[in-house]
Amino acid sequence: MDEVSRASQTTQVVPLVEVQVRGDLNASSAPGVNDVLEEALALHPRQLVIDLADCEIIDAAGILLLLDAHRRAMRDGGMVALRSPSARARRNLKLAKVDRVLQVISADGDLTLGEIPRREMAP
């Protein structure tokens, strides 16, 4: 294989990309958010963090969009994490059982859903 062929097969990977969603994530906003997520995923991040601190409501279309971003990231060897969803958005994510698929982290980086912390057992 020559240098040109090898270079065309190399994919640049970035460690982290963060996207901030402002406003509700619903059927009317999903196409615009999808465009931004496509640009972010084109960078082939190891981790895509979607900040939901300014997103009060997530409906079914928004949840499908998040799961699709997760699927696309996984296909490229990456992962998606959701940061700081509101209490209402967190409730919808739990009802849809998205917390079983996506990692959800608080503003300070602690896991809040999607992973049960291990506790040390006393001898």
PDB file of N, CA and C in Angstrom:
ATOM      1  N   MET A   1       0.848  -1.167   0.000  1.00  0.00           N
ATOM      2  CA  MET A   1       0.000   0.000   0.000  1.00  0.00           C
ATOM      3  C   MET A   1       0.900   1.239   0.000  1.00  0.00           C
ATOM      4  N   ASP A   2       0.627   2.206  -0.868  1.00  0.00           N
ATOM      5  CA  ASP A   2       1.461   3.408  -0.936  1.00  0.00           C
ATOM      6  C   ASP A   2       1.004   4.435   0.097  1.00  0.00           C
ATOM      7  N   GLU A   3       1.780   5.517   0.235  1.00  0.00           N
ATOM      8  CA  GLU A   3       1.504   6.546   1.244  1.00  0.00           C
ATOM      9  C   GLU A   3       0.132   7.196   1.055  1.00  0.00           C
ATOM     10  N   VAL A   4      -0.268   7.451  -0.182  1.00  0.00           N
ATOM     11  CA  VAL A   4      -1.555   8.095  -0.439  1.00  0.00           C
ATOM     12  C   VAL A   4      -2.702   7.201   0.033  1.00  0.00           C
ATOM     13  N   SER A   5      -2.640   5.916  -0.250  1.00  0.00           N
ATOM     14  CA  SER A   5      -3.691   4.988   0.178  1.00  0.00           C
ATOM     15  C   SER A   5      -3.761   4.915   1.689  1.00  0.00           C
ATOM     16  N   ARG A   6      -2.605   4.849   2.350  1.00  0.00           N
ATOM     17  CA  ARG A   6      -2.579   4.789   3.807  1.00  0.00           C
ATOM     18  C   ARG A   6      -3.161   6.059   4.413  1.00  0.00           C
ATOM     19  N   ALA A   7      -2.819   7.213   3.865  1.00  0.00           N
ATOM     20  CA  ALA A   7      -3.304   8.481   4.410  1.00  0.00           C
ATOM     21  C   ALA A   7      -4.817   8.606   4.261  1.00  0.00           C
ATOM     22  N   SER A   8      -5.361   8.091   3.149  1.00  0.00           N
ATOM     23  CA  SER A   8      -6.802   8.213   2.946  1.00  0.00           C
ATOM     24  C   SER A   8      -7.589   7.294   3.879  1.00  0.00           C
ATOM     25  N   GLN A   9      -6.958   6.279   4.463  1.00  0.00           N
ATOM     26  CA  GLN A   9      -7.630   5.368   5.370  1.00  0.00           C
ATOM     27  C   GLN A   9      -7.485   5.778   6.831  1.00  0.00           C
ATOM     28  N   THR A  10      -6.668   6.775   7.109  1.00  0.00           N
ATOM     29  CA  THR A  10      -6.458   7.234   8.476  1.00  0.00           C
ATOM     30  C   THR A  10      -7.587   8.171   8.884  1.00  0.00           C
ATOM     31  N   THR A  11      -8.150   7.935  10.044  1.00  0.00           N
ATOM     32  CA  THR A  11      -9.209   8.790  10.577  1.00  0.00           C
ATOM     33  C   THR A  11      -8.672   9.513  11.801  1.00  0.00           C
ATOM     34  N   GLN A  12      -8.817  10.833  11.795  1.00  0.00           N
ATOM     35  CA  GLN A  12      -8.412  11.617  12.947  1.00  0.00           C
ATOM     36  C   GLN A  12      -9.468  11.463  14.041  1.00  0.00           C
ATOM     37  N   VAL A  13      -9.021  11.292  15.261  1.00  0.00           N
ATOM     38  CA  VAL A  13      -9.913  11.130  16.400  1.00  0.00           C
ATOM     39  C   VAL A  13      -9.568  12.183  17.440  1.00  0.00           C
ATOM     40  N   VAL A  14     -10.603  12.838  17.970  1.00  0.00           N
ATOM     41  CA  VAL A  14     -10.394  13.789  19.057  1.00  0.00           C
ATOM     42  C   VAL A  14     -10.896  13.139  20.341  1.00  0.00           C
ATOM     43  N   PRO A  15     -10.302  13.491  21.473  1.00  0.00           N
ATOM     44  CA  PRO A  15     -10.713  12.827  22.710  1.00  0.00           C
ATOM     45  C   PRO A  15     -12.100  13.228  23.208  1.00  0.00           C
ATOM     46  N   LEU A  16     -12.465  14.489  23.056  1.00  0.00           N
ATOM     47  CA  LEU A  16     -13.704  14.970  23.653  1.00  0.00           C
ATOM     48  C   LEU A  16     -14.297  16.099  22.822  1.00  0.00           C
ATOM     49  N   VAL A  17     -15.601  16.009  22.582  1.00  0.00           N
ATOM     50  CA  VAL A  17     -16.356  17.097  21.967  1.00  0.00           C
ATOM     51  C   VAL A  17     -17.556  17.355  22.864  1.00  0.00           C
ATOM     52  N   GLU A  18     -17.834  18.618  23.146  1.00  0.00           N
ATOM     53  CA  GLU A  18     -18.987  18.985  23.962  1.00  0.00           C
ATOM     54  C   GLU A  18     -19.953  19.827  23.135  1.00  0.00           C
ATOM     55  N   VAL A  19     -21.238  19.508  23.270  1.00  0.00           N
ATOM     56  CA  VAL A  19     -22.310  20.227  22.588  1.00  0.00           C
ATOM     57  C   VAL A  19     -23.295  20.671  23.656  1.00  0.00           C
ATOM     58  N   GLN A  20     -23.709  21.929  23.599  1.00  0.00           N
ATOM     59  CA  GLN A  20     -24.668  22.443  24.571  1.00  0.00           C
ATOM     60  C   GLN A  20     -26.014  22.642  23.881  1.00  0.00           C
ATOM     61  N   VAL A  21     -27.063  22.056  24.455  1.00  0.00           N
ATOM     62  CA  VAL A  21     -28.415  22.209  23.937  1.00  0.00           C
ATOM     63  C   VAL A  21     -29.107  23.281  24.765  1.00  0.00           C
ATOM     64  N   ARG A  22     -29.634  24.283  24.077  1.00  0.00           N
ATOM     65  CA  ARG A  22     -30.367  25.356  24.763  1.00  0.00           C
ATOM     66  C   ARG A  22     -31.817  25.312  24.309  1.00  0.00           C
ATOM     67  N   GLY A  23     -32.722  25.332  25.252  1.00  0.00           N
ATOM     68  CA  GLY A  23     -34.140  25.230  24.929  1.00  0.00           C
ATOM     69  C   GLY A  23     -34.571  23.774  24.930  1.00  0.00           C
ATOM     70  N   ASP A  24     -35.831  23.564  24.646  1.00  0.00           N
ATOM     71  CA  ASP A  24     -36.376  22.215  24.671  1.00  0.00           C
ATOM     72  C   ASP A  24     -35.812  21.372  23.527  1.00  0.00           C
ATOM     73  N   LEU A  25     -35.666  20.088  23.785  1.00  0.00           N
ATOM     74  CA  LEU A  25     -35.231  19.140  22.763  1.00  0.00           C
ATOM     75  C   LEU A  25     -36.472  18.341  22.381  1.00  0.00           C
ATOM     76  N   ASN A  26     -37.119  18.784  21.292  1.00  0.00           N
ATOM     77  CA  ASN A  26     -38.388  18.184  20.891  1.00  0.00           C
ATOM     78  C   ASN A  26     -38.436  18.053  19.369  1.00  0.00           C
ATOM     79  N   ALA A  27     -39.605  17.680  18.855  1.00  0.00           N
ATOM     80  CA  ALA A  27     -39.749  17.436  17.418  1.00  0.00           C
ATOM     81  C   ALA A  27     -39.380  18.658  16.578  1.00  0.00           C
ATOM     82  N   SER A  28     -39.668  19.851  17.071  1.00  0.00           N
ATOM     83  CA  SER A  28     -39.358  21.040  16.265  1.00  0.00           C
ATOM     84  C   SER A  28     -37.883  21.430  16.326  1.00  0.00           C
ATOM     85  N   SER A  29     -37.211  21.156  17.423  1.00  0.00           N
ATOM     86  CA  SER A  29     -35.794  21.529  17.528  1.00  0.00           C
ATOM     87  C   SER A  29     -34.845  20.399  17.121  1.00  0.00           C
ATOM     88  N   ALA A  30     -35.343  19.167  17.062  1.00  0.00           N
ATOM     89  CA  ALA A  30     -34.482  18.005  16.793  1.00  0.00           C
ATOM     90  C   ALA A  30     -33.691  18.105  15.486  1.00  0.00           C
ATOM     91  N   PRO A  31     -34.273  18.570  14.377  1.00  0.00           N
ATOM     92  CA  PRO A  31     -33.468  18.644  13.143  1.00  0.00           C
ATOM     93  C   PRO A  31     -32.246  19.556  13.269  1.00  0.00           C
ATOM     94  N   GLY A  32     -32.396  20.699  13.929  1.00  0.00           N
ATOM     95  CA  GLY A  32     -31.263  21.600  14.120  1.00  0.00           C
ATOM     96  C   GLY A  32     -30.211  21.009  15.036  1.00  0.00           C
ATOM     97  N   VAL A  33     -30.657  20.375  16.120  1.00  0.00           N
ATOM     98  CA  VAL A  33     -29.723  19.730  17.043  1.00  0.00           C
ATOM     99  C   VAL A  33     -29.022  18.575  16.340  1.00  0.00           C
ATOM    100  N   ASN A  34     -29.762  17.844  15.502  1.00  0.00           N
ATOM    101  CA  ASN A  34     -29.165  16.744  14.754  1.00  0.00           C
ATOM    102  C   ASN A  34     -28.034  17.243  13.860  1.00  0.00           C
ATOM    103  N   ASP A  35     -28.226  18.394  13.218  1.00  0.00           N
ATOM    104  CA  ASP A  35     -27.170  18.957  12.365  1.00  0.00           C
ATOM    105  C   ASP A  35     -25.899  19.214  13.168  1.00  0.00           C
ATOM    106  N   VAL A  36     -26.058  19.765  14.363  1.00  0.00           N
ATOM    107  CA  VAL A  36     -24.902  20.049  15.220  1.00  0.00           C
ATOM    108  C   VAL A  36     -24.239  18.746  15.674  1.00  0.00           C
ATOM    109  N   LEU A  37     -25.050  17.758  16.033  1.00  0.00           N
ATOM    110  CA  LEU A  37     -24.491  16.472  16.467  1.00  0.00           C
ATOM    111  C   LEU A  37     -23.761  15.773  15.320  1.00  0.00           C
ATOM    112  N   GLU A  38     -24.279  15.896  14.101  1.00  0.00           N
ATOM    113  CA  GLU A  38     -23.581  15.316  12.951  1.00  0.00           C
ATOM    114  C   GLU A  38     -22.201  15.938  12.781  1.00  0.00           C
ATOM    115  N   GLU A  39     -22.116  17.261  12.921  1.00  0.00           N
ATOM    116  CA  GLU A  39     -20.816  17.939  12.834  1.00  0.00           C
ATOM    117  C   GLU A  39     -19.882  17.456  13.941  1.00  0.00           C
ATOM    118  N   ALA A  40     -20.410  17.317  15.136  1.00  0.00           N
ATOM    119  CA  ALA A  40     -19.600  16.854  16.265  1.00  0.00           C
ATOM    120  C   ALA A  40     -19.123  15.426  16.035  1.00  0.00           C
ATOM    121  N   LEU A  41     -20.014  14.557  15.584  1.00  0.00           N
ATOM    122  CA  LEU A  41     -19.646  13.162  15.367  1.00  0.00           C
ATOM    123  C   LEU A  41     -18.696  12.983  14.193  1.00  0.00           C
ATOM    124  N   ALA A  42     -18.685  13.930  13.263  1.00  0.00           N
ATOM    125  CA  ALA A  42     -17.750  13.874  12.136  1.00  0.00           C
ATOM    126  C   ALA A  42     -16.300  14.003  12.611  1.00  0.00           C
ATOM    127  N   LEU A  43     -16.113  14.521  13.822  1.00  0.00           N
ATOM    128  CA  LEU A  43     -14.767  14.634  14.403  1.00  0.00           C
ATOM    129  C   LEU A  43     -14.305  13.314  15.021  1.00  0.00           C
ATOM    130  N   HIS A  44     -15.186  12.315  15.066  1.00  0.00           N
ATOM    131  CA  HIS A  44     -14.899  10.989  15.632  1.00  0.00           C
ATOM    132  C   HIS A  44     -14.385  11.089  17.071  1.00  0.00           C
ATOM    133  N   PRO A  45     -15.168  11.749  17.949  1.00  0.00           N
ATOM    134  CA  PRO A  45     -14.698  11.889  19.335  1.00  0.00           C
ATOM    135  C   PRO A  45     -14.751  10.563  20.086  1.00  0.00           C
ATOM    136  N   ARG A  46     -13.810  10.389  20.999  1.00  0.00           N
ATOM    137  CA  ARG A  46     -13.882   9.233  21.904  1.00  0.00           C
ATOM    138  C   ARG A  46     -15.098   9.391  22.819  1.00  0.00           C
ATOM    139  N   GLN A  47     -15.353  10.655  23.231  1.00  0.00           N
ATOM    140  CA  GLN A  47     -16.517  10.933  24.059  1.00  0.00           C
ATOM    141  C   GLN A  47     -17.196  12.204  23.555  1.00  0.00           C
ATOM    142  N   LEU A  48     -18.504  12.101  23.339  1.00  0.00           N
ATOM    143  CA  LEU A  48     -19.327  13.247  22.998  1.00  0.00           C
ATOM    144  C   LEU A  48     -20.188  13.553  24.217  1.00  0.00           C
ATOM    145  N   VAL A  49     -20.002  14.734  24.782  1.00  0.00           N
ATOM    146  CA  VAL A  49     -20.790  15.154  25.937  1.00  0.00           C
ATOM    147  C   VAL A  49     -21.849  16.136  25.444  1.00  0.00           C
ATOM    148  N   ILE A  50     -23.099  15.796  25.713  1.00  0.00           N
ATOM    149  CA  ILE A  50     -24.216  16.663  25.349  1.00  0.00           C
ATOM    150  C   ILE A  50     -24.711  17.313  26.638  1.00  0.00           C
ATOM    151  N   ASP A  51     -24.463  18.615  26.756  1.00  0.00           N
ATOM    152  CA  ASP A  51     -24.821  19.368  27.957  1.00  0.00           C
ATOM    153  C   ASP A  51     -26.289  19.774  27.862  1.00  0.00           C
ATOM    154  N   LEU A  52     -27.084  19.311  28.808  1.00  0.00           N
ATOM    155  CA  LEU A  52     -28.515  19.574  28.816  1.00  0.00           C
ATOM    156  C   LEU A  52     -28.938  20.513  29.938  1.00  0.00           C
ATOM    157  N   ALA A  53     -28.000  21.246  30.515  1.00  0.00           N
ATOM    158  CA  ALA A  53     -28.306  22.132  31.641  1.00  0.00           C
ATOM    159  C   ALA A  53     -29.343  23.192  31.282  1.00  0.00           C
ATOM    160  N   ASP A  54     -29.345  23.654  30.031  1.00  0.00           N
ATOM    161  CA  ASP A  54     -30.290  24.683  29.596  1.00  0.00           C
ATOM    162  C   ASP A  54     -31.448  24.096  28.800  1.00  0.00           C
ATOM    163  N   CYS A  55     -31.695  22.813  28.975  1.00  0.00           N
ATOM    164  CA  CYS A  55     -32.766  22.105  28.268  1.00  0.00           C
ATOM    165  C   CYS A  55     -33.747  21.586  29.310  1.00  0.00           C
ATOM    166  N   GLU A  56     -34.906  22.224  29.389  1.00  0.00           N
ATOM    167  CA  GLU A  56     -35.879  21.847  30.413  1.00  0.00           C
ATOM    168  C   GLU A  56     -36.657  20.589  30.052  1.00  0.00           C
ATOM    169  N   ILE A  57     -37.031  20.450  28.777  1.00  0.00           N
ATOM    170  CA  ILE A  57     -37.913  19.356  28.366  1.00  0.00           C
ATOM    171  C   ILE A  57     -37.278  18.558  27.227  1.00  0.00           C
ATOM    172  N   ILE A  58     -37.379  17.236  27.335  1.00  0.00           N
ATOM    173  CA  ILE A  58     -36.974  16.342  26.251  1.00  0.00           C
ATOM    174  C   ILE A  58     -38.166  15.447  25.953  1.00  0.00           C
ATOM    175  N   ASP A  59     -38.632  15.481  24.694  1.00  0.00           N
ATOM    176  CA  ASP A  59     -39.750  14.612  24.335  1.00  0.00           C
ATOM    177  C   ASP A  59     -39.233  13.377  23.598  1.00  0.00           C
ATOM    178  N   ALA A  60     -40.143  12.576  23.058  1.00  0.00           N
ATOM    179  CA  ALA A  60     -39.765  11.328  22.395  1.00  0.00           C
ATOM    180  C   ALA A  60     -38.821  11.569  21.220  1.00  0.00           C
ATOM    181  N   ALA A  61     -39.056  12.622  20.444  1.00  0.00           N
ATOM    182  CA  ALA A  61     -38.171  12.922  19.306  1.00  0.00           C
ATOM    183  C   ALA A  61     -36.770  13.251  19.798  1.00  0.00           C
ATOM    184  N   GLY A  62     -36.679  13.975  20.904  1.00  0.00           N
ATOM    185  CA  GLY A  62     -35.372  14.300  21.476  1.00  0.00           C
ATOM    186  C   GLY A  62     -34.660  13.069  21.988  1.00  0.00           C
ATOM    187  N   ILE A  63     -35.406  12.187  22.626  1.00  0.00           N
ATOM    188  CA  ILE A  63     -34.820  10.945  23.135  1.00  0.00           C
ATOM    189  C   ILE A  63     -34.305  10.092  21.991  1.00  0.00           C
ATOM    190  N   LEU A  64     -35.099   9.979  20.913  1.00  0.00           N
ATOM    191  CA  LEU A  64     -34.649   9.217  19.740  1.00  0.00           C
ATOM    192  C   LEU A  64     -33.376   9.814  19.146  1.00  0.00           C
ATOM    193  N   LEU A  65     -33.302  11.130  19.121  1.00  0.00           N
ATOM    194  CA  LEU A  65     -32.113  11.799  18.599  1.00  0.00           C
ATOM    195  C   LEU A  65     -30.884  11.468  19.452  1.00  0.00           C
ATOM    196  N   LEU A  66     -31.036  11.499  20.768  1.00  0.00           N
ATOM    197  CA  LEU A  66     -29.918  11.171  21.662  1.00  0.00           C
ATOM    198  C   LEU A  66     -29.471   9.727  21.485  1.00  0.00           C
ATOM    199  N   LEU A  67     -30.430   8.820  21.361  1.00  0.00           N
ATOM    200  CA  LEU A  67     -30.089   7.404  21.167  1.00  0.00           C
ATOM    201  C   LEU A  67     -29.419   7.174  19.811  1.00  0.00           C
ATOM    202  N   ASP A  68     -29.859   7.908  18.791  1.00  0.00           N
ATOM    203  CA  ASP A  68     -29.224   7.783  17.477  1.00  0.00           C
ATOM    204  C   ASP A  68     -27.795   8.300  17.517  1.00  0.00           C
ATOM    205  N   ALA A  69     -27.567   9.410  18.220  1.00  0.00           N
ATOM    206  CA  ALA A  69     -26.198   9.930  18.371  1.00  0.00           C
ATOM    207  C   ALA A  69     -25.328   8.907  19.089  1.00  0.00           C
ATOM    208  N   HIS A  70     -25.882   8.262  20.097  1.00  0.00           N
ATOM    209  CA  HIS A  70     -25.168   7.211  20.826  1.00  0.00           C
ATOM    210  C   HIS A  70     -24.788   6.063  19.882  1.00  0.00           C
ATOM    211  N   ARG A  71     -25.746   5.623  19.074  1.00  0.00           N
ATOM    212  CA  ARG A  71     -25.498   4.530  18.126  1.00  0.00           C
ATOM    213  C   ARG A  71     -24.391   4.896  17.147  1.00  0.00           C
ATOM    214  N   ARG A  72     -24.446   6.117  16.609  1.00  0.00           N
ATOM    215  CA  ARG A  72     -23.421   6.544  15.650  1.00  0.00           C
ATOM    216  C   ARG A  72     -22.046   6.663  16.309  1.00  0.00           C
ATOM    217  N   ALA A  73     -22.019   7.175  17.550  1.00  0.00           N
ATOM    218  CA  ALA A  73     -20.741   7.287  18.266  1.00  0.00           C
ATOM    219  C   ALA A  73     -20.157   5.908  18.535  1.00  0.00           C
ATOM    220  N   MET A  74     -20.998   4.974  18.973  1.00  0.00           N
ATOM    221  CA  MET A  74     -20.535   3.616  19.263  1.00  0.00           C
ATOM    222  C   MET A  74     -19.969   2.948  18.008  1.00  0.00           C
ATOM    223  N   ARG A  75     -20.597   3.184  16.885  1.00  0.00           N
ATOM    224  CA  ARG A  75     -20.136   2.617  15.614  1.00  0.00           C
ATOM    225  C   ARG A  75     -18.699   3.046  15.311  1.00  0.00           C
ATOM    226  N   ASP A  76     -18.340   4.254  15.724  1.00  0.00           N
ATOM    227  CA  ASP A  76     -16.988   4.777  15.498  1.00  0.00           C
ATOM    228  C   ASP A  76     -16.075   4.568  16.694  1.00  0.00           C
ATOM    229  N   GLY A  77     -16.506   3.780  17.669  1.00  0.00           N
ATOM    230  CA  GLY A  77     -15.672   3.500  18.836  1.00  0.00           C
ATOM    231  C   GLY A  77     -15.748   4.532  19.934  1.00  0.00           C
ATOM    232  N   GLY A  78     -16.735   5.418  19.874  1.00  0.00           N
ATOM    233  CA  GLY A  78     -16.884   6.454  20.890  1.00  0.00           C
ATOM    234  C   GLY A  78     -18.061   6.183  21.803  1.00  0.00           C
ATOM    235  N   MET A  79     -18.364   7.176  22.625  1.00  0.00           N
ATOM    236  CA  MET A  79     -19.493   7.074  23.539  1.00  0.00           C
ATOM    237  C   MET A  79     -20.122   8.441  23.714  1.00  0.00           C
ATOM    238  N   VAL A  80     -21.372   8.448  24.176  1.00  0.00           N
ATOM    239  CA  VAL A  80     -22.100   9.686  24.438  1.00  0.00           C
ATOM    240  C   VAL A  80     -22.436   9.746  25.919  1.00  0.00           C
ATOM    241  N   ALA A  81     -22.264  10.913  26.491  1.00  0.00           N
ATOM    242  CA  ALA A  81     -22.673  11.163  27.871  1.00  0.00           C
ATOM    243  C   ALA A  81     -23.555  12.404  27.880  1.00  0.00           C
ATOM    244  N   LEU A  82     -24.573  12.385  28.725  1.00  0.00           N
ATOM    245  CA  LEU A  82     -25.451  13.533  28.887  1.00  0.00           C
ATOM    246  C   LEU A  82     -25.093  14.229  30.188  1.00  0.00           C
ATOM    247  N   ARG A  83     -24.908  15.555  30.131  1.00  0.00           N
ATOM    248  CA  ARG A  83     -24.536  16.296  31.331  1.00  0.00           C
ATOM    249  C   ARG A  83     -25.687  17.176  31.802  1.00  0.00           C
ATOM    250  N   SER A  84     -25.950  17.117  33.081  1.00  0.00           N
ATOM    251  CA  SER A  84     -26.836  18.036  33.806  1.00  0.00           C
ATOM    252  C   SER A  84     -28.251  18.170  33.257  1.00  0.00           C
ATOM    253  N   PRO A  85     -28.936  17.054  32.978  1.00  0.00           N
ATOM    254  CA  PRO A  85     -30.329  17.229  32.560  1.00  0.00           C
ATOM    255  C   PRO A  85     -31.163  17.759  33.719  1.00  0.00           C
ATOM    256  N   SER A  86     -32.190  18.541  33.395  1.00  0.00           N
ATOM    257  CA  SER A  86     -33.091  19.059  34.418  1.00  0.00           C
ATOM    258  C   SER A  86     -33.829  17.895  35.071  1.00  0.00           C
ATOM    259  N   ALA A  87     -34.481  18.167  36.189  1.00  0.00           N
ATOM    260  CA  ALA A  87     -35.237  17.116  36.880  1.00  0.00           C
ATOM    261  C   ALA A  87     -36.316  16.537  35.968  1.00  0.00           C
ATOM    262  N   ARG A  88     -36.995  17.387  35.228  1.00  0.00           N
ATOM    263  CA  ARG A  88     -38.051  16.917  34.315  1.00  0.00           C
ATOM    264  C   ARG A  88     -37.460  16.083  33.177  1.00  0.00           C
ATOM    265  N   ALA A  89     -36.349  16.551  32.598  1.00  0.00           N
ATOM    266  CA  ALA A  89     -35.696  15.790  31.517  1.00  0.00           C
ATOM    267  C   ALA A  89     -35.177  14.456  32.058  1.00  0.00           C
ATOM    268  N   ARG A  90     -34.596  14.479  33.259  1.00  0.00           N
ATOM    269  CA  ARG A  90     -34.098  13.247  33.888  1.00  0.00           C
ATOM    270  C   ARG A  90     -35.226  12.241  34.077  1.00  0.00           C
ATOM    271  N   ARG A  91     -36.386  12.738  34.485  1.00  0.00           N
ATOM    272  CA  ARG A  91     -37.548  11.875  34.675  1.00  0.00           C
ATOM    273  C   ARG A  91     -37.950  11.220  33.353  1.00  0.00           C
ATOM    274  N   ASN A  92     -37.993  12.010  32.267  1.00  0.00           N
ATOM    275  CA  ASN A  92     -38.343  11.451  30.956  1.00  0.00           C
ATOM    276  C   ASN A  92     -37.299  10.446  30.483  1.00  0.00           C
ATOM    277  N   LEU A  93     -36.026  10.719  30.756  1.00  0.00           N
ATOM    278  CA  LEU A  93     -34.963   9.784  30.374  1.00  0.00           C
ATOM    279  C   LEU A  93     -35.108   8.470  31.131  1.00  0.00           C
ATOM    280  N   LYS A  94     -35.461   8.560  32.405  1.00  0.00           N
ATOM    281  CA  LYS A  94     -35.666   7.346  33.199  1.00  0.00           C
ATOM    282  C   LYS A  94     -36.892   6.574  32.727  1.00  0.00           C
ATOM    283  N   LEU A  95     -37.986   7.278  32.458  1.00  0.00           N
ATOM    284  CA  LEU A  95     -39.198   6.619  31.986  1.00  0.00           C
ATOM    285  C   LEU A  95     -38.959   5.869  30.672  1.00  0.00           C
ATOM    286  N   ALA A  96     -38.128   6.453  29.811  1.00  0.00           N
ATOM    287  CA  ALA A  96     -37.804   5.820  28.527  1.00  0.00           C
ATOM    288  C   ALA A  96     -36.671   4.800  28.665  1.00  0.00           C
ATOM    289  N   LYS A  97     -36.166   4.659  29.894  1.00  0.00           N
ATOM    290  CA  LYS A  97     -35.074   3.726  30.205  1.00  0.00           C
ATOM    291  C   LYS A  97     -33.787   4.052  29.441  1.00  0.00           C
ATOM    292  N   VAL A  98     -33.642   5.327  29.087  1.00  0.00           N
ATOM    293  CA  VAL A  98     -32.428   5.787  28.421  1.00  0.00           C
ATOM    294  C   VAL A  98     -31.246   5.730  29.384  1.00  0.00           C
ATOM    295  N   ASP A  99     -31.538   5.844  30.680  1.00  0.00           N
ATOM    296  CA  ASP A  99     -30.475   5.800  31.676  1.00  0.00           C
ATOM    297  C   ASP A  99     -29.785   4.439  31.702  1.00  0.00           C
ATOM    298  N   ARG A 100     -30.395   3.437  31.079  1.00  0.00           N
ATOM    299  CA  ARG A 100     -29.752   2.123  30.985  1.00  0.00           C
ATOM    300  C   ARG A 100     -28.776   2.044  29.815  1.00  0.00           C
ATOM    301  N   VAL A 101     -28.880   3.011  28.909  1.00  0.00           N
ATOM    302  CA  VAL A 101     -28.062   3.006  27.697  1.00  0.00           C
ATOM    303  C   VAL A 101     -27.006   4.104  27.722  1.00  0.00           C
ATOM    304  N   LEU A 102     -27.428   5.305  28.099  1.00  0.00           N
ATOM    305  CA  LEU A 102     -26.532   6.459  28.076  1.00  0.00           C
ATOM    306  C   LEU A 102     -26.016   6.797  29.464  1.00  0.00           C
ATOM    307  N   GLN A 103     -24.793   7.249  29.495  1.00  0.00           N
ATOM    308  CA  GLN A 103     -24.203   7.720  30.746  1.00  0.00           C
ATOM    309  C   GLN A 103     -24.713   9.136  30.991  1.00  0.00           C
ATOM    310  N   VAL A 104     -25.192   9.409  32.197  1.00  0.00           N
ATOM    311  CA  VAL A 104     -25.668  10.733  32.559  1.00  0.00           C
ATOM    312  C   VAL A 104     -24.806  11.227  33.705  1.00  0.00           C
ATOM    313  N   ILE A 105     -24.226  12.415  33.527  1.00  0.00           N
ATOM    314  CA  ILE A 105     -23.314  12.963  34.526  1.00  0.00           C
ATOM    315  C   ILE A 105     -23.819  14.308  35.025  1.00  0.00           C
ATOM    316  N   SER A 106     -23.479  14.622  36.258  1.00  0.00           N
ATOM    317  CA  SER A 106     -23.863  15.906  36.831  1.00  0.00           C
ATOM    318  C   SER A 106     -22.887  16.980  36.353  1.00  0.00           C
ATOM    319  N   ALA A 107     -23.162  18.219  36.700  1.00  0.00           N
ATOM    320  CA  ALA A 107     -22.319  19.336  36.274  1.00  0.00           C
ATOM    321  C   ALA A 107     -20.879  19.183  36.741  1.00  0.00           C
ATOM    322  N   ASP A 108     -20.674  18.555  37.906  1.00  0.00           N
ATOM    323  CA  ASP A 108     -19.314  18.392  38.423  1.00  0.00           C
ATOM    324  C   ASP A 108     -18.644  17.120  37.924  1.00  0.00           C
ATOM    325  N   GLY A 109     -19.322  16.396  37.032  1.00  0.00           N
ATOM    326  CA  GLY A 109     -18.703  15.216  36.440  1.00  0.00           C
ATOM    327  C   GLY A 109     -19.050  13.904  37.095  1.00  0.00           C
ATOM    328  N   ASP A 110     -19.831  13.922  38.176  1.00  0.00           N
ATOM    329  CA  ASP A 110     -20.221  12.680  38.840  1.00  0.00           C
ATOM    330  C   ASP A 110     -21.345  11.997  38.076  1.00  0.00           C
ATOM    331  N   LEU A 111     -21.315  10.686  38.049  1.00  0.00           N
ATOM    332  CA  LEU A 111     -22.396   9.925  37.435  1.00  0.00           C
ATOM    333  C   LEU A 111     -23.648  10.077  38.278  1.00  0.00           C
ATOM    334  N   THR A 112     -24.784  10.300  37.622  1.00  0.00           N
ATOM    335  CA  THR A 112     -26.032  10.400  38.351  1.00  0.00           C
ATOM    336  C   THR A 112     -27.023   9.327  37.929  1.00  0.00           C
ATOM    337  N   LEU A 113     -26.891   8.827  36.724  1.00  0.00           N
ATOM    338  CA  LEU A 113     -27.749   7.763  36.214  1.00  0.00           C
ATOM    339  C   LEU A 113     -26.885   6.814  35.398  1.00  0.00           C
ATOM    340  N   GLY A 114     -27.422   5.681  35.095  1.00  0.00           N
ATOM    341  CA  GLY A 114     -26.746   4.797  34.178  1.00  0.00           C
ATOM    342  C   GLY A 114     -25.670   3.934  34.795  1.00  0.00           C
ATOM    343  N   GLU A 115     -25.299   4.188  36.011  1.00  0.00           N
ATOM    344  CA  GLU A 115     -24.293   3.367  36.661  1.00  0.00           C
ATOM    345  C   GLU A 115     -24.575   3.368  38.155  1.00  0.00           C
ATOM    346  N   ILE A 116     -24.597   2.213  38.733  1.00  0.00           N
ATOM    347  CA  ILE A 116     -24.827   2.093  40.170  1.00  0.00           C
ATOM    348  C   ILE A 116     -23.477   2.110  40.860  1.00  0.00           C
ATOM    349  N   PRO A 117     -23.251   3.067  41.765  1.00  0.00           N
ATOM    350  CA  PRO A 117     -21.947   3.108  42.424  1.00  0.00           C
ATOM    351  C   PRO A 117     -21.712   1.862  43.268  1.00  0.00           C
ATOM    352  N   ARG A 118     -20.493   1.392  43.274  1.00  0.00           N
ATOM    353  CA  ARG A 118     -20.146   0.229  44.087  1.00  0.00           C
ATOM    354  C   ARG A 118     -19.906   0.685  45.515  1.00  0.00           C
ATOM    355  N   ARG A 119     -20.378  -0.122  46.455  1.00  0.00           N
ATOM    356  CA  ARG A 119     -20.169   0.191  47.862  1.00  0.00           C
ATOM    357  C   ARG A 119     -19.283  -0.879  48.461  1.00  0.00           C
ATOM    358  N   GLU A 120     -18.396  -0.430  49.312  1.00  0.00           N
ATOM    359  CA  GLU A 120     -17.528  -1.373  50.019  1.00  0.00           C
ATOM    360  C   GLU A 120     -18.348  -2.101  51.059  1.00  0.00           C
ATOM    361  N   MET A 121     -18.149  -3.374  51.148  1.00  0.00           N
ATOM    362  CA  MET A 121     -18.858  -4.170  52.140  1.00  0.00           C
ATOM    363  C   MET A 121     -17.956  -4.360  53.355  1.00  0.00           C
ATOM    364  N   ALA A 122     -18.535  -4.191  54.502  1.00  0.00           N
ATOM    365  CA  ALA A 122     -17.767  -4.378  55.746  1.00  0.00           C
ATOM    366  C   ALA A 122     -17.480  -5.860  55.932  1.00  0.00           C
ATOM    367  N   PRO A 123     -16.275  -6.215  56.439  1.00  0.00           N
ATOM    368  CA  PRO A 123     -15.959  -7.630  56.659  1.00  0.00           C
ATOM    369  C   PRO A 123     -16.782  -8.248  57.752  1.00  0.00           C
TER     370      PRO A 123
END
